[in-house]
Amino acid sequence: MKIKKFPKIHRLFVDGICDSKEGESCSATRDENEFERCVLCGMLTFVPKSMPIEWRENYEIGCGQICSECAKKKRKAFDAEDILTNAQIMQAVEQSRMERKE
């Protein structure tokens, strides 16, 4: 695994997996003990366990890391069911509070 955009950040979190210099290919495989598994399907993700959750994509607070495939399925399900997201619910609550004050 090699991240060309952010090689220094990649080395910070995955130190020791790929010792090749920038621009060279890396033949190392992902170790199950160093990367997160999807909490829904169990697939090994490309997210290092040492990466802070604030930086992660597809991380569900209170649940765990979700792979990109499960995240796509979840988004499709939300779009199909026309369910409000947590952010939309919080916006509605805030708007309601503001209207009460007026």
Protein backbone atom coordinates (compact mmCIF):
# COMPACT_ATOMS: atom_id res chain seq x y z
CA MET A 1 0.00 0.00 0.00
CA LYS A 2 1.42 3.34 -1.01
CA ILE A 3 -0.17 6.75 -0.66
CA LYS A 4 1.45 9.15 -3.10
CA LYS A 5 -0.36 12.29 -1.94
CA PHE A 6 0.61 12.09 1.73
CA PRO A 7 3.69 9.85 2.01
CA LYS A 8 4.84 11.37 5.32
CA ILE A 9 1.46 10.82 6.98
CA HIS A 10 1.36 7.32 5.54
CA ARG A 11 4.78 6.52 7.05
CA LEU A 12 3.65 7.97 10.38
CA PHE A 13 0.78 5.49 10.70
CA VAL A 14 2.09 2.48 8.81
CA ASP A 15 5.77 2.64 9.76
CA GLY A 16 7.59 -0.59 9.03
CA ILE A 17 5.14 -1.98 6.46
CA CYS A 18 6.73 -0.25 3.50
CA ASP A 19 10.38 0.79 3.74
CA SER A 20 10.70 1.74 0.06
CA LYS A 21 11.63 5.27 -0.93
CA GLU A 22 9.08 7.65 -2.36
CA GLY A 23 8.25 6.73 -5.96
CA GLU A 24 9.24 3.07 -5.59
CA SER A 25 6.65 0.32 -5.43
CA CYS A 26 5.85 -1.46 -2.18
CA SER A 27 5.30 -5.21 -2.22
CA ALA A 28 4.35 -5.56 1.45
CA THR A 29 0.95 -7.02 2.30
CA ARG A 30 -1.52 -5.67 4.83
CA ASP A 31 -1.22 -7.26 8.26
CA GLU A 32 -4.52 -8.07 9.98
CA ASN A 33 -3.20 -6.78 13.31
CA GLU A 34 -2.34 -3.35 11.92
CA PHE A 35 -5.49 -2.49 9.95
CA GLU A 36 -9.14 -2.16 10.94
CA ARG A 37 -11.84 -4.60 9.87
CA CYS A 38 -15.30 -3.50 8.77
CA VAL A 39 -17.74 -3.94 11.64
CA LEU A 40 -20.52 -4.90 9.22
CA CYS A 41 -18.92 -7.39 6.81
CA GLY A 42 -15.56 -8.18 8.45
CA MET A 43 -13.48 -7.17 5.41
CA LEU A 44 -9.96 -5.87 6.09
CA THR A 45 -9.84 -2.13 5.33
CA PHE A 46 -6.95 0.16 4.38
CA VAL A 47 -7.38 2.14 7.63
CA PRO A 48 -4.49 1.69 10.10
CA LYS A 49 -5.58 1.01 13.68
CA SER A 50 -3.23 3.77 14.84
CA MET A 51 -5.04 6.46 12.77
CA PRO A 52 -7.11 8.85 14.93
CA ILE A 53 -10.85 8.47 14.33
CA GLU A 54 -11.19 12.16 13.47
CA TRP A 55 -9.12 11.53 10.32
CA ARG A 56 -10.93 8.40 9.18
CA GLU A 57 -13.44 8.07 6.39
CA ASN A 58 -16.53 5.91 6.96
CA TYR A 59 -16.08 5.71 10.75
CA GLU A 60 -19.34 5.41 12.68
CA ILE A 61 -19.11 6.77 16.22
CA GLY A 62 -20.32 4.15 18.67
CA CYS A 63 -20.05 1.43 16.05
CA GLY A 64 -16.59 1.38 14.45
CA GLN A 65 -14.87 1.36 11.08
CA ILE A 66 -16.94 0.55 8.00
CA CYS A 67 -15.45 -0.44 4.62
CA SER A 68 -16.16 1.66 1.53
CA GLU A 69 -18.53 -0.97 0.05
CA CYS A 70 -20.72 -1.08 3.17
CA ALA A 71 -20.66 2.73 3.35
CA LYS A 72 -21.93 2.90 -0.26
CA LYS A 73 -24.73 0.44 0.54
CA LYS A 74 -25.65 2.45 3.64
CA ARG A 75 -25.80 5.71 1.65
CA LYS A 76 -27.99 4.07 -1.00
CA ALA A 77 -30.33 2.77 1.70
CA PHE A 78 -30.63 6.23 3.28
CA ASP A 79 -31.28 7.82 -0.11
CA ALA A 80 -33.92 5.23 -0.97
CA GLU A 81 -35.73 5.46 2.37
CA ASP A 82 -35.68 9.26 2.54
CA ILE A 83 -34.46 9.18 6.15
CA LEU A 84 -33.13 12.28 7.86
CA THR A 85 -29.47 12.23 8.82
CA ASN A 86 -28.30 13.23 12.31
CA ALA A 87 -27.10 16.56 10.92
CA GLN A 88 -30.51 17.26 9.37
CA ILE A 89 -32.25 16.38 12.65
CA MET A 90 -29.93 18.73 14.57
CA GLN A 91 -30.62 21.51 12.04
CA ALA A 92 -34.36 21.04 12.48
CA VAL A 93 -34.00 21.15 16.28
CA GLU A 94 -31.92 24.34 16.11
CA GLN A 95 -34.36 25.97 13.72
CA SER A 96 -37.24 25.04 16.01
CA ARG A 97 -35.45 26.57 19.01
CA MET A 98 -34.78 29.77 17.09
CA GLU A 99 -38.44 30.05 16.03
CA ARG A 100 -39.58 29.62 19.64
CA LYS A 101 -37.35 32.46 20.79
CA GLU A 102 -38.82 34.83 18.19
